[in-house]
């Protein structure tokens, strides 16, 4: 029996020792009696069972059970139920406000709760602006500067323990009373994003709930545990939103990144799930597999917070591991994007029940238990952040100064990007840069670098001397060899290559020849075409970035269109003779 658990026990010992916790051999010999035939609550549990003991709660604040009519973990919460409870909670508590950041493809609201002491809400905008100003200047943080903690849950919809745990965490923040909660909320701000992926969460909740029986079935082959395709992991368009923090192809990502830059949090959490037979993981992962642009101090802070997670999970007799398996590399993931901005991004992975109760090598795993662990590490994140507040404040402040120093030492001064004939594609690229707060300038005089000419008002220059130095370096990275070439995912997306745009790196010496103006504008597309009674037809090439959108609009308006099989030449209103390639769209002027 001991042999079957030796790996888990040794992993626990090894991981805990790396973050400074002390364990004895006695723990190894006692683990089997805990792990075998553990008792599970198959009907959910009251919200207070998820939360710390010896804490009083304001009876005027409604619990999730009192509003939803069920215990957390008894059923999978649908997104509409989550929205309803959090609105009721915000109405009842003077500690929190609720904001709709945007809407998903399926028109579900994306919520963000701002939670702090009541007196802070009156000056919340002042606190935010002061934080951003201090950050932009890189000046020393004041003693009373607040920590900004962004708590994000369940970007994969079929990893629902995070979003269900968010309800218990929100209740705790609204109702808990005592020194710990006062310390947290008096001088800090918690931003709670309860569901990164509402469409996927609702899709999976429907599956798990519709296949649940009165008597729960733990067999992994049961239909409840084998979700039909497409799974709830992805959003409406079956896109993995944890690969979209950088490319921002979807409304969920755009809304989240807008709020990230609006607040620039010190810590951002990213709660996930992993295989049923695993236990619990929290970062740091493998140090050699972090993004090389992430400062080592980031890992040190992550380790400091990890000691609080370990202590909290030890208190619950829960298995866990850290500094193993997971990398922290691709900037388009939720635990890495913050790292390139002076925040500390933290990935959490809970063994999944994928239903309400599922058998595992560690015994039956109940949905309620998966929720409980996510609540535990949410609260340990608060405790660890408050305990390490001076270090977190100082780190983010020094991050700016260090970026400026690195930029000055860099052999490159920036990057020149040429506008292609497809103006729509270039517009999409510059819009993406703006969403990431990347500074760029319009080139106002022709410049030739390495035999390539960039024309005035048809090119942009992205300098490296800016706050987003590390992100810009990542966006243009062509590095193919690393300290550890093992990747869970990709290393990077090169933004110029992704948009098929000609570019060139510019050395610091060459950058002096690049002339730009902050008020200059890029050339614009031709003015709107006017209908001509003598026109035989209207046409546009399929190569334009927005050609599919234009075609869709025409079809929806009932316009008859044709697609050319061969290339052809036509006399046009603005450009004289123009050759249209095969696949061009033609709209006959006649009936």
Protein backbone atom coordinates (compact mmCIF):
# COMPACT_ATOMS: atom_id res chain seq x y z
CA UNK A 1 0.00 0.00 0.00
CA UNK A 2 2.81 2.41 0.84
CA UNK A 3 4.48 1.82 -2.54
CA UNK A 4 1.42 2.95 -4.45
CA UNK A 5 1.60 6.32 -2.73
CA UNK A 6 5.35 6.76 -2.55
CA UNK A 7 5.55 9.06 -5.57
CA UNK A 8 2.82 11.36 -4.29
CA UNK A 9 4.36 11.46 -0.83
CA UNK A 10 7.87 12.13 -2.09
CA UNK A 11 6.56 14.83 -4.43
CA UNK A 12 4.88 16.45 -1.46
CA UNK A 13 8.09 16.33 0.55
CA UNK A 14 10.28 17.56 -2.25
CA UNK A 15 7.96 20.41 -3.25
CA UNK A 16 7.39 21.59 0.27
CA UNK A 17 11.11 21.59 1.07
CA UNK A 18 11.74 23.90 -1.87
CA UNK A 19 9.50 26.55 -0.37
CA UNK A 20 10.85 26.31 3.11
CA UNK A 21 8.26 24.10 4.81
CA UNK A 22 9.41 21.35 7.21
CA UNK A 23 8.20 17.76 6.97
CA UNK A 24 9.17 14.46 8.58
CA UNK A 25 9.27 10.86 7.41
CA UNK A 26 6.27 10.26 9.63
CA UNK A 27 4.12 12.03 7.03
CA UNK A 28 5.05 9.47 4.39
CA UNK A 29 3.99 6.55 6.53
CA UNK A 30 0.73 8.20 7.54
CA UNK A 31 -0.43 9.29 4.09
CA UNK A 32 -2.09 6.03 2.95
CA UNK A 33 -4.52 5.99 5.86
CA UNK A 34 -5.65 9.48 4.81
CA UNK A 35 -5.78 8.92 1.06
CA UNK A 36 -7.64 5.64 0.98
CA UNK A 37 -11.41 5.69 1.41
CA UNK A 38 -11.55 9.36 2.24
CA UNK A 39 -14.99 10.62 3.14
CA UNK A 40 -16.64 12.89 0.62
CA UNK A 41 -19.72 15.03 0.82
CA UNK A 42 -21.71 14.03 -2.25
CA UNK A 43 -24.39 16.66 -1.78
CA UNK A 44 -22.36 19.84 -1.64
CA UNK A 45 -21.64 21.66 1.58
CA UNK A 46 -22.69 24.93 3.24
CA UNK A 47 -20.60 27.88 2.14
CA UNK A 48 -19.16 28.31 5.62
CA UNK A 49 -17.60 24.85 5.39
CA UNK A 50 -15.39 26.20 2.60
CA UNK A 51 -14.20 29.14 4.67
CA UNK A 52 -11.92 29.59 7.70
CA UNK A 53 -13.17 28.57 11.11
CA UNK A 54 -13.40 31.09 13.96
CA UNK A 55 -14.46 33.88 11.62
CA UNK A 56 -17.71 35.75 12.17
CA UNK A 57 -19.87 36.63 9.17
CA UNK A 58 -22.31 39.48 8.79
CA UNK A 59 -25.77 37.84 8.89
CA UNK A 60 -27.16 40.60 6.66
CA UNK A 61 -25.04 39.35 3.74
CA UNK A 62 -26.82 36.56 1.80
CA UNK A 63 -25.00 33.27 1.30
CA UNK A 64 -24.96 31.56 -2.09
CA UNK A 65 -27.28 28.87 -0.71
CA UNK A 66 -29.88 31.39 0.40
CA UNK A 67 -30.05 32.90 -3.09
CA UNK A 68 -29.49 29.88 -5.33
CA UNK A 69 -31.47 27.35 -3.30
CA UNK A 70 -28.65 24.79 -3.31
CA UNK A 71 -25.31 24.14 -1.65
CA UNK A 72 -22.13 25.02 -3.52
CA UNK A 73 -20.93 21.79 -5.11
CA UNK A 74 -24.36 20.16 -5.06
CA UNK A 75 -24.93 21.23 -8.67
CA UNK A 76 -22.70 22.97 -11.19
CA UNK A 77 -23.51 26.67 -11.15
CA UNK A 78 -24.65 28.07 -14.47
CA UNK A 79 -23.33 31.48 -15.45
CA UNK A 80 -26.75 33.12 -15.15
CA UNK A 81 -26.96 31.85 -11.55
CA UNK A 82 -23.47 33.18 -10.86
CA UNK A 83 -24.44 36.59 -12.26
CA UNK A 84 -27.64 36.67 -10.22
CA UNK A 85 -25.94 35.87 -6.92
CA UNK A 86 -23.10 38.34 -7.40
CA UNK A 87 -25.54 41.14 -8.21
CA UNK A 88 -27.53 40.32 -5.06
CA UNK A 89 -24.28 40.26 -3.09
CA UNK A 90 -23.11 43.60 -4.46
CA UNK A 91 -26.47 45.17 -3.59
CA UNK A 92 -26.19 43.90 -0.02
CA UNK A 93 -22.56 44.84 0.64
CA UNK A 94 -21.00 48.29 0.87
CA UNK A 95 -17.62 46.69 0.32
CA UNK A 96 -18.16 45.86 -3.33
CA UNK A 97 -19.32 47.27 -6.62
CA UNK A 98 -20.04 45.26 -9.74
CA UNK A 99 -19.27 46.25 -13.33
CA UNK A 100 -20.08 44.70 -16.68
CA UNK A 101 -16.85 44.72 -18.71
CA UNK A 102 -18.41 43.47 -21.91
CA UNK A 103 -20.40 40.63 -23.41
CA UNK A 104 -19.45 37.21 -24.75
CA UNK A 105 -20.33 35.91 -28.20
CA UNK A 106 -23.45 34.38 -26.63
CA UNK A 107 -24.34 37.73 -25.03
CA UNK A 108 -23.44 36.73 -21.48
CA UNK A 109 -22.15 39.56 -19.26
CA UNK A 110 -18.49 39.65 -18.28
CA UNK A 111 -18.38 40.81 -14.67
CA UNK A 112 -15.70 42.44 -12.55
CA UNK A 113 -16.23 43.08 -8.85
CA UNK A 114 -14.21 45.77 -7.10
CA UNK A 115 -13.92 44.93 -3.42
CA UNK A 116 -12.35 47.14 -0.77
CA UNK A 117 -13.23 48.90 2.49
CA UNK A 118 -16.35 51.07 2.17
CA UNK A 119 -14.47 54.35 2.67
CA UNK A 120 -12.17 53.51 -0.27
CA UNK A 121 -15.02 53.34 -2.76
CA UNK A 122 -15.60 57.07 -2.52
CA UNK A 123 -12.09 57.67 -3.85
CA UNK A 124 -11.53 54.50 -5.86
CA UNK A 125 -10.74 56.42 -9.06
CA UNK A 126 -8.20 58.56 -7.20
CA UNK A 127 -6.55 55.42 -5.83
CA UNK A 128 -6.40 53.89 -9.29
CA UNK A 129 -4.97 56.98 -10.96
CA UNK A 130 -2.40 57.44 -8.20
CA UNK A 131 -1.32 53.83 -8.59
CA UNK A 132 -0.90 54.19 -12.36
CA UNK A 133 0.96 57.49 -12.04
CA UNK A 134 3.41 56.04 -9.56
CA UNK A 135 3.89 53.02 -11.77
CA UNK A 136 4.48 55.07 -14.93
CA UNK A 137 7.10 57.20 -13.20
CA UNK A 138 8.83 54.27 -11.56
CA UNK A 139 8.98 56.24 -8.34
CA UNK A 140 9.08 54.67 -4.90
CA UNK A 141 5.63 53.54 -3.72
CA UNK A 142 4.18 55.36 -0.74
CA UNK A 143 3.68 53.54 2.55
CA UNK A 144 -0.09 53.63 2.18
CA UNK A 145 -0.15 52.54 -1.48
CA UNK A 146 -2.72 49.78 -2.04
CA UNK A 147 -2.05 46.33 -3.40
CA UNK A 148 -4.21 45.51 -6.43
CA UNK A 149 -5.11 41.81 -6.48
CA UNK A 150 -6.85 40.47 -9.61
CA UNK A 151 -8.55 37.15 -8.83
CA UNK A 152 -9.48 35.33 -12.06
CA UNK A 153 -11.26 31.99 -12.39
CA UNK A 154 -11.97 29.19 -14.90
CA UNK A 155 -10.79 30.36 -18.29
CA UNK A 156 -11.57 26.81 -19.38
CA UNK A 157 -15.30 26.37 -18.89
CA UNK A 158 -15.11 22.66 -18.09
CA UNK A 159 -12.67 23.41 -15.26
CA UNK A 160 -15.50 24.84 -13.16
CA UNK A 161 -14.19 24.52 -9.60
CA UNK A 162 -12.67 27.99 -9.94
CA UNK A 163 -15.86 29.83 -10.88
CA UNK A 164 -17.87 27.93 -8.27
CA UNK A 165 -15.21 28.78 -5.68
CA UNK A 166 -15.44 32.44 -6.72
CA UNK A 167 -18.92 32.58 -5.17
CA UNK A 168 -17.60 31.46 -1.78
CA UNK A 169 -14.65 33.85 -2.06
CA UNK A 170 -16.97 36.74 -2.94
CA UNK A 171 -19.17 35.93 0.06
CA UNK A 172 -16.11 35.85 2.33
CA UNK A 173 -14.95 39.25 1.09
CA UNK A 174 -18.41 40.73 1.60
CA UNK A 175 -19.37 39.14 4.91
CA UNK A 176 -16.27 38.15 6.90
CA UNK A 177 -15.50 40.19 9.99
CA UNK A 178 -12.30 40.50 11.96
CA UNK A 179 -8.70 41.61 11.78
CA UNK A 180 -7.70 39.58 8.71
CA UNK A 181 -10.42 40.94 6.44
CA UNK A 182 -9.96 44.48 7.78
CA UNK A 183 -6.23 44.34 7.03
CA UNK A 184 -6.92 43.06 3.54
CA UNK A 185 -9.60 45.56 2.53
CA UNK A 186 -8.63 48.70 4.42
CA UNK A 187 -5.47 49.32 2.43
CA UNK A 188 -5.89 47.15 -0.66
CA UNK A 189 -8.22 46.51 -3.58
CA UNK A 190 -9.43 43.09 -4.74
CA UNK A 191 -10.69 42.74 -8.31
CA UNK A 192 -12.72 39.55 -8.70
CA UNK A 193 -13.31 38.17 -12.19
CA UNK A 194 -15.55 35.16 -11.44
CA UNK A 195 -15.68 33.60 -14.90
CA UNK A 196 -13.14 34.16 -17.66
CA UNK A 197 -15.26 32.01 -20.01
CA UNK A 198 -19.01 32.27 -19.34
CA UNK A 199 -20.09 30.49 -22.54
CA UNK A 200 -17.91 27.46 -21.86
CA UNK A 201 -18.85 27.38 -18.17
CA UNK A 202 -22.56 27.30 -19.01
CA UNK A 203 -22.07 24.64 -21.69
CA UNK A 204 -20.31 22.35 -19.24
CA UNK A 205 -22.70 23.03 -16.35
CA UNK A 206 -25.57 21.95 -18.61
CA UNK A 207 -23.76 18.71 -19.44
CA UNK A 208 -22.79 17.81 -15.89
CA UNK A 209 -26.19 18.68 -14.43
CA UNK A 210 -28.26 16.93 -17.09
CA UNK A 211 -26.37 13.65 -16.60
CA UNK A 212 -26.29 13.71 -12.81
CA UNK A 213 -28.33 10.98 -11.13
CA UNK A 214 -30.01 10.90 -7.76
CA UNK A 215 -27.36 8.36 -6.80
CA UNK A 216 -24.02 9.75 -7.89
CA UNK A 217 -21.88 7.49 -10.06
CA UNK A 218 -18.12 7.80 -9.55
CA UNK A 219 -17.18 5.48 -12.44
CA UNK A 220 -14.98 7.46 -14.85
CA UNK A 221 -16.72 5.77 -17.80
CA UNK A 222 -20.10 7.18 -16.80
CA UNK A 223 -21.58 9.64 -19.29
CA UNK A 224 -21.45 12.48 -16.77
CA UNK A 225 -17.64 12.34 -16.83
CA UNK A 226 -17.27 12.10 -20.61
CA UNK A 227 -18.41 15.39 -22.03
CA UNK A 228 -19.60 15.46 -25.62
CA UNK A 229 -17.83 17.45 -28.32
CA UNK A 230 -17.39 20.41 -28.41
CA UNK A 231 -16.46 20.55 -24.77
CA UNK A 232 -16.93 23.46 -22.40
CA UNK A 233 -13.18 24.08 -22.41
CA UNK A 234 -13.49 26.63 -25.18
CA UNK A 235 -15.68 29.64 -25.84
CA UNK A 236 -18.53 29.96 -28.34
CA UNK A 237 -16.21 29.63 -31.33
CA UNK A 238 -14.36 26.69 -29.74
CA UNK A 239 -11.31 28.87 -29.08
CA UNK A 240 -9.06 28.25 -26.10
CA UNK A 241 -9.16 31.62 -24.37
CA UNK A 242 -6.01 30.82 -22.42
CA UNK A 243 -4.16 31.23 -25.72
CA UNK A 244 -5.77 34.61 -26.45
CA UNK A 245 -4.25 36.97 -23.87
CA UNK A 246 -1.90 38.23 -26.58
CA UNK A 247 -3.80 38.04 -29.88
CA UNK A 248 -7.13 39.28 -28.40
CA UNK A 249 -9.31 37.68 -31.04
CA UNK A 250 -12.35 37.42 -28.76
CA UNK A 251 -14.47 39.82 -26.69
CA UNK A 252 -13.72 37.99 -23.44
CA UNK A 253 -9.99 38.63 -23.89
CA UNK A 254 -10.39 42.23 -25.04
CA UNK A 255 -12.52 43.11 -22.02
CA UNK A 256 -10.12 41.42 -19.59
CA UNK A 257 -6.97 43.03 -21.02
CA UNK A 258 -8.63 46.45 -20.97
CA UNK A 259 -9.26 46.03 -17.24
CA UNK A 260 -5.78 44.64 -16.66
CA UNK A 261 -4.22 47.79 -18.10
CA UNK A 262 -6.77 49.98 -16.38
CA UNK A 263 -5.55 48.65 -13.02
CA UNK A 264 -2.11 47.05 -13.53
CA UNK A 265 -2.51 44.61 -10.62
CA UNK A 266 0.36 43.42 -8.46
CA UNK A 267 -0.91 39.83 -8.43
CA UNK A 268 -3.15 38.00 -10.91
CA UNK A 269 -4.47 34.48 -10.26
CA UNK A 270 -5.43 31.95 -12.92
CA UNK A 271 -7.41 28.96 -11.55
CA UNK A 272 -7.50 25.79 -13.66
CA UNK A 273 -8.03 22.03 -13.40
CA UNK A 274 -5.91 19.06 -14.50
CA UNK A 275 -6.18 15.25 -14.63
CA UNK A 276 -8.42 13.48 -12.12
CA UNK A 277 -5.59 11.29 -10.79
CA UNK A 278 -3.39 14.25 -9.94
CA UNK A 279 -3.59 16.38 -6.78
CA UNK A 280 -3.07 20.16 -6.63
CA UNK A 281 -0.45 22.36 -8.28
CA UNK A 282 0.54 25.96 -7.69
CA UNK A 283 3.38 27.95 -9.17
CA UNK A 284 6.29 28.38 -9.42
CA UNK A 285 6.71 25.73 -12.07
CA UNK A 286 10.03 24.62 -13.53
CA UNK A 287 12.34 27.63 -13.08
CA UNK A 288 14.35 26.80 -16.22
CA UNK A 289 11.13 26.89 -18.27
CA UNK A 290 10.04 30.43 -17.49
CA UNK A 291 10.06 33.16 -20.12
CA UNK A 292 13.61 34.58 -20.21
CA UNK A 293 12.11 38.09 -20.21
CA UNK A 294 10.49 37.44 -16.81
CA UNK A 295 12.73 38.77 -14.01
CA UNK A 296 14.09 36.25 -11.53
CA UNK A 297 12.61 38.38 -8.76
CA UNK A 298 9.18 37.42 -10.09
CA UNK A 299 9.91 33.77 -9.34
CA UNK A 300 11.22 34.65 -5.91
CA UNK A 301 7.98 36.45 -5.07
CA UNK A 302 5.97 33.54 -6.46
CA UNK A 303 7.92 31.22 -4.14
CA UNK A 304 7.15 33.49 -1.18
CA UNK A 305 3.42 33.29 -1.95
CA UNK A 306 3.73 29.53 -2.51
CA UNK A 307 4.74 29.01 1.10
CA UNK A 308 1.32 30.35 2.13
CA UNK A 309 -0.46 27.96 -0.26
CA UNK A 310 1.54 25.05 1.13
CA UNK A 311 0.73 25.97 4.71
CA UNK A 312 -2.97 26.35 3.92
CA UNK A 313 -3.20 23.03 2.08
CA UNK A 314 -1.23 21.32 4.84
CA UNK A 315 -3.89 22.55 7.22
CA UNK A 316 -6.48 20.74 5.10
CA UNK A 317 -4.35 17.56 4.75
CA UNK A 318 -4.36 17.99 0.97
CA UNK A 319 -1.79 16.59 -1.43
CA UNK A 320 -0.05 19.11 -3.70
CA UNK A 321 3.10 19.74 -5.72
CA UNK A 322 4.98 22.73 -7.05
CA UNK A 323 8.13 23.57 -9.08
CA UNK A 324 7.36 20.65 -11.39
CA UNK A 325 5.71 19.91 -14.74
CA UNK A 326 4.39 23.32 -15.77
CA UNK A 327 6.26 25.99 -17.70
CA UNK A 328 5.56 29.72 -17.66
CA UNK A 329 6.66 30.85 -21.08
CA UNK A 330 4.11 31.87 -23.73
CA UNK A 331 3.04 35.49 -23.19
CA UNK A 332 -0.45 34.70 -24.46
CA UNK A 333 -1.35 32.67 -21.36
CA UNK A 334 -2.89 33.99 -18.16
CA UNK A 335 -0.02 33.17 -15.85
CA UNK A 336 2.67 34.65 -18.14
CA UNK A 337 1.15 37.82 -19.60
CA UNK A 338 1.11 39.51 -16.16
CA UNK A 339 4.76 38.55 -15.60
CA UNK A 340 5.85 40.71 -18.54
CA UNK A 341 4.06 43.71 -17.02
CA UNK A 342 5.45 43.79 -13.50
CA UNK A 343 2.63 41.72 -12.04
CA UNK A 344 2.98 38.28 -10.47
CA UNK A 345 0.85 35.82 -12.41
CA UNK A 346 0.07 32.58 -10.59
CA UNK A 347 -1.29 29.37 -12.10
CA UNK A 348 -3.31 26.98 -9.92
CA UNK A 349 -4.31 23.48 -11.11
CA UNK A 350 -6.84 21.33 -9.24
CA UNK A 351 -7.46 17.64 -10.01
CA UNK A 352 -10.80 17.57 -11.79
CA UNK A 353 -13.94 15.69 -10.85
CA UNK A 354 -15.55 16.48 -14.24
CA UNK A 355 -18.94 15.97 -12.75
CA UNK A 356 -20.12 15.66 -9.17
CA UNK A 357 -18.15 12.61 -8.02
CA UNK A 358 -15.42 10.65 -9.80
CA UNK A 359 -13.14 7.81 -8.79
CA UNK A 360 -9.39 8.51 -8.76
CA UNK A 361 -6.24 6.77 -7.56
CA UNK A 362 -6.58 8.88 -4.42
CA UNK A 363 -10.14 7.75 -3.75
CA UNK A 364 -13.43 9.31 -4.81
CA UNK A 365 -13.05 12.97 -5.75
CA UNK A 366 -16.11 15.10 -5.05
CA UNK A 367 -16.86 18.35 -6.87
CA UNK A 368 -17.23 20.03 -3.47
CA UNK A 369 -13.64 19.05 -2.60
CA UNK A 370 -12.29 20.60 -5.79
CA UNK A 371 -14.09 23.84 -4.93
CA UNK A 372 -12.73 23.75 -1.40
CA UNK A 373 -9.10 23.67 -2.57
CA UNK A 374 -9.63 26.62 -4.91
CA UNK A 375 -11.18 28.59 -2.06
CA UNK A 376 -8.28 27.66 0.22
CA UNK A 377 -5.61 28.94 -2.18
CA UNK A 378 -7.64 32.05 -3.00
CA UNK A 379 -7.55 32.97 0.68
CA UNK A 380 -3.87 32.00 0.99
CA UNK A 381 -3.19 34.35 -1.93
CA UNK A 382 -4.70 37.18 0.13
CA UNK A 383 -2.67 36.21 3.19
CA UNK A 384 0.58 35.85 1.24
CA UNK A 385 0.12 39.11 -0.65
CA UNK A 386 -0.60 41.11 2.50
CA UNK A 387 2.39 39.57 4.29
CA UNK A 388 4.65 40.38 1.32
CA UNK A 389 3.09 43.73 0.49
CA UNK A 390 6.27 45.84 0.72
CA UNK A 391 8.12 43.43 -1.56
CA UNK A 392 5.28 43.35 -4.12
CA UNK A 393 5.02 47.15 -4.17
CA UNK A 394 8.76 47.55 -4.51
CA UNK A 395 9.01 44.90 -7.22
CA UNK A 396 6.44 46.50 -9.48
CA UNK A 397 8.03 49.90 -9.00
CA UNK A 398 11.55 48.64 -9.77
CA UNK A 399 10.20 46.67 -12.76
CA UNK A 400 9.71 49.95 -14.63
CA UNK A 401 13.18 51.24 -13.84
CA UNK A 402 14.74 47.92 -14.77
CA UNK A 403 12.91 47.90 -18.11
CA UNK A 404 14.24 51.38 -18.87
CA UNK A 405 17.75 50.25 -17.98
CA UNK A 406 17.52 47.15 -20.17
CA UNK A 407 16.22 49.23 -23.08
CA UNK A 408 19.18 51.59 -22.85
CA UNK A 409 21.57 48.64 -22.80
CA UNK A 410 19.88 46.90 -25.74
CA UNK A 411 21.73 46.96 -29.06
CA UNK A 412 18.43 47.60 -30.78
CA UNK A 413 16.55 50.89 -30.64
CA UNK A 414 13.25 49.53 -31.96
CA UNK A 415 11.43 48.10 -34.95
CA UNK A 416 10.18 49.59 -38.22
CA UNK A 417 7.01 48.12 -39.75
CA UNK A 418 5.88 48.90 -43.29
CA UNK A 419 2.23 49.33 -44.13
CA UNK A 420 1.16 46.81 -46.80
CA UNK A 421 -1.33 47.56 -49.58
CA UNK A 422 -3.89 45.87 -47.36
CA UNK A 423 -4.57 48.81 -45.05
CA UNK A 424 -7.14 46.87 -43.04
CA UNK A 425 -4.57 44.32 -41.96
CA UNK A 426 -2.21 47.01 -40.78
CA UNK A 427 -5.04 48.76 -38.96
CA UNK A 428 -5.80 45.52 -37.10
CA UNK A 429 -2.13 45.24 -36.12
CA UNK A 430 -1.89 48.78 -34.77
CA UNK A 431 -5.19 48.36 -32.92
CA UNK A 432 -3.76 45.26 -31.23
CA UNK A 433 -0.64 47.19 -30.20
CA UNK A 434 -2.84 49.92 -28.73
CA UNK A 435 -4.87 47.41 -26.70
CA UNK A 436 -1.62 46.23 -25.14
CA UNK A 437 -0.56 49.82 -24.42
CA UNK A 438 2.46 49.47 -26.73
CA UNK A 439 3.78 52.88 -27.81
CA UNK A 440 4.39 53.34 -31.54
CA UNK A 441 4.91 56.37 -33.78
CA UNK A 442 4.04 57.18 -37.39
CA UNK A 443 7.15 57.69 -39.52
CA UNK A 444 7.04 61.16 -41.12
CA UNK A 445 10.01 60.95 -43.49
CA UNK A 446 11.16 58.19 -45.82
CA UNK A 447 13.92 56.17 -44.22
CA UNK A 448 16.04 53.33 -45.60
CA UNK A 449 17.40 50.71 -43.21
CA UNK A 450 19.32 47.67 -44.42
CA UNK A 451 18.29 48.31 -48.05
CA UNK A 452 14.60 48.47 -47.14
CA UNK A 453 12.74 51.76 -47.52
CA UNK A 454 9.94 52.72 -45.18
CA UNK A 455 7.73 55.45 -46.57
CA UNK A 456 6.47 58.48 -44.69
CA UNK A 457 2.96 57.98 -43.28
CA UNK A 458 3.07 54.37 -44.46
CA UNK A 459 5.21 52.95 -41.65
CA UNK A 460 5.38 52.92 -37.87
CA UNK A 461 8.29 52.82 -35.46
CA UNK A 462 8.07 50.91 -32.17
CA UNK A 463 10.80 52.14 -29.80
CA UNK A 464 12.19 49.82 -27.17
CA UNK A 465 12.55 52.60 -24.62
CA UNK A 466 9.05 52.31 -23.19
CA UNK A 467 7.22 50.68 -20.30
CA UNK A 468 6.32 47.71 -22.53
CA UNK A 469 9.95 46.91 -23.31
CA UNK A 470 9.64 43.25 -22.30
CA UNK A 471 6.37 42.70 -24.13
CA UNK A 472 7.75 44.30 -27.31
CA UNK A 473 10.84 42.08 -27.13
CA UNK A 474 8.55 39.07 -26.80
CA UNK A 475 6.39 40.15 -29.74
CA UNK A 476 9.43 40.36 -32.02
CA UNK A 477 11.44 37.47 -30.60
CA UNK A 478 13.06 35.04 -33.05
CA UNK A 479 14.88 33.11 -30.31
CA UNK A 480 14.78 29.35 -30.93
CA UNK A 481 17.12 27.99 -28.26
CA UNK A 482 16.50 28.30 -24.53
CA UNK A 483 17.88 27.06 -21.25
CA UNK A 484 15.23 24.33 -21.39
CA UNK A 485 13.64 23.71 -24.79
CA UNK A 486 10.75 21.75 -23.27
CA UNK A 487 7.46 23.56 -23.83
CA UNK A 488 3.93 22.83 -22.75
CA UNK A 489 2.89 25.28 -25.45
CA UNK A 490 4.53 27.53 -28.03
CA UNK A 491 7.35 29.92 -27.22
CA UNK A 492 5.99 33.04 -28.92
CA UNK A 493 4.09 34.57 -31.82
CA UNK A 494 6.09 37.08 -33.87
CA UNK A 495 3.57 39.84 -34.44
CA UNK A 496 4.95 41.17 -37.74
CA UNK A 497 5.15 37.69 -39.22
CA UNK A 498 1.69 36.81 -37.90
CA UNK A 499 0.24 39.80 -39.78
CA UNK A 500 2.51 39.25 -42.81
CA UNK A 501 4.01 42.72 -42.51
CA UNK A 502 7.50 43.69 -43.68
CA UNK A 503 9.65 44.85 -40.80
CA UNK A 504 13.24 45.38 -39.77
CA UNK A 505 15.00 45.69 -36.41
CA UNK A 506 16.65 49.10 -36.00
CA UNK A 507 19.92 49.49 -34.11
CA UNK A 508 20.31 52.34 -31.64
CA UNK A 509 22.60 54.07 -34.13
CA UNK A 510 20.14 53.64 -37.00
CA UNK A 511 17.24 54.86 -34.88
CA UNK A 512 18.58 58.43 -35.04
CA UNK A 513 17.61 58.55 -38.73
CA UNK A 514 13.99 57.60 -38.01
CA UNK A 515 11.79 60.71 -37.95
CA UNK A 516 8.35 60.53 -36.39
CA UNK A 517 5.64 62.78 -35.05
CA UNK A 518 3.27 61.95 -32.22
CA UNK A 519 0.45 63.72 -34.08
CA UNK A 520 1.11 62.22 -37.52
CA UNK A 521 -1.48 59.92 -39.10
CA UNK A 522 -1.11 56.90 -41.32
CA UNK A 523 -2.44 57.16 -44.87
CA UNK A 524 -6.10 56.37 -45.07
CA UNK A 525 -8.04 54.16 -47.44
CA UNK A 526 -9.70 55.60 -50.52
CA UNK A 527 -12.85 57.63 -49.78
CA UNK A 528 -16.18 55.88 -49.85
CA UNK A 529 -17.13 54.93 -53.40
CA UNK A 530 -20.06 56.75 -54.91
CA UNK A 531 -22.56 54.91 -57.00
CA UNK A 532 -22.05 55.65 -60.68
CA UNK A 533 -25.00 55.25 -63.05
CA UNK A 534 -22.55 54.36 -65.82
CA UNK A 535 -20.78 51.65 -63.82
CA UNK A 536 -20.90 48.14 -65.20
CA UNK A 537 -20.03 46.56 -61.85
CA UNK A 538 -18.26 47.08 -58.56
CA UNK A 539 -15.40 44.82 -57.47
CA UNK A 540 -13.00 44.24 -54.61
CA UNK A 541 -10.10 41.87 -54.12
CA UNK A 542 -10.41 39.00 -51.66
CA UNK A 543 -6.94 39.81 -50.33
CA UNK A 544 -8.12 42.68 -48.17
CA UNK A 545 -8.26 41.95 -44.42
CA UNK A 546 -11.89 43.05 -44.18
CA UNK A 547 -13.06 41.46 -47.47
CA UNK A 548 -14.91 38.61 -45.70
CA UNK A 549 -16.75 41.08 -43.46
CA UNK A 550 -17.74 43.19 -46.47
CA UNK A 551 -19.01 40.14 -48.34
CA UNK A 552 -21.04 39.04 -45.33
CA UNK A 553 -22.63 42.48 -45.09
CA UNK A 554 -23.54 42.41 -48.77
CA UNK A 555 -25.09 38.96 -48.51
CA UNK A 556 -27.09 39.96 -45.44
CA UNK A 557 -28.39 42.97 -47.39
CA UNK A 558 -29.56 40.71 -50.21
CA UNK A 559 -27.03 42.02 -52.75
CA UNK A 560 -26.21 39.67 -55.61
CA UNK A 561 -22.50 38.99 -55.79
CA UNK A 562 -20.21 36.92 -57.99
CA UNK A 563 -16.73 35.46 -57.50
CA UNK A 564 -14.30 35.56 -60.42
CA UNK A 565 -12.66 32.31 -61.45
CA UNK A 566 -9.90 34.05 -63.40
CA UNK A 567 -7.92 37.25 -63.09
CA UNK A 568 -9.20 40.25 -65.03
CA UNK A 569 -8.34 43.88 -65.67
CA UNK A 570 -10.86 46.71 -65.27
CA UNK A 571 -10.90 50.50 -65.42
CA UNK A 572 -11.61 51.84 -61.93
CA UNK A 573 -12.83 55.17 -60.61
CA UNK A 574 -9.75 56.02 -58.56
CA UNK A 575 -6.82 53.99 -59.85
CA UNK A 576 -7.26 53.64 -63.58
CA UNK A 577 -6.54 50.18 -64.91
CA UNK A 578 -6.42 47.62 -62.09
CA UNK A 579 -5.81 43.89 -62.28
CA UNK A 580 -8.03 41.80 -60.04
CA UNK A 581 -6.78 38.32 -59.06
CA UNK A 582 -8.87 35.14 -59.15
CA UNK A 583 -11.38 35.01 -56.32
CA UNK A 584 -12.19 38.73 -56.49
CA UNK A 585 -15.78 39.66 -55.65
CA UNK A 586 -17.87 41.34 -58.37
CA UNK A 587 -21.19 43.08 -57.74
CA UNK A 588 -23.08 43.63 -61.00
CA UNK A 589 -24.57 47.12 -61.24
CA UNK A 590 -27.62 45.85 -63.07
CA UNK A 591 -30.37 43.53 -61.80
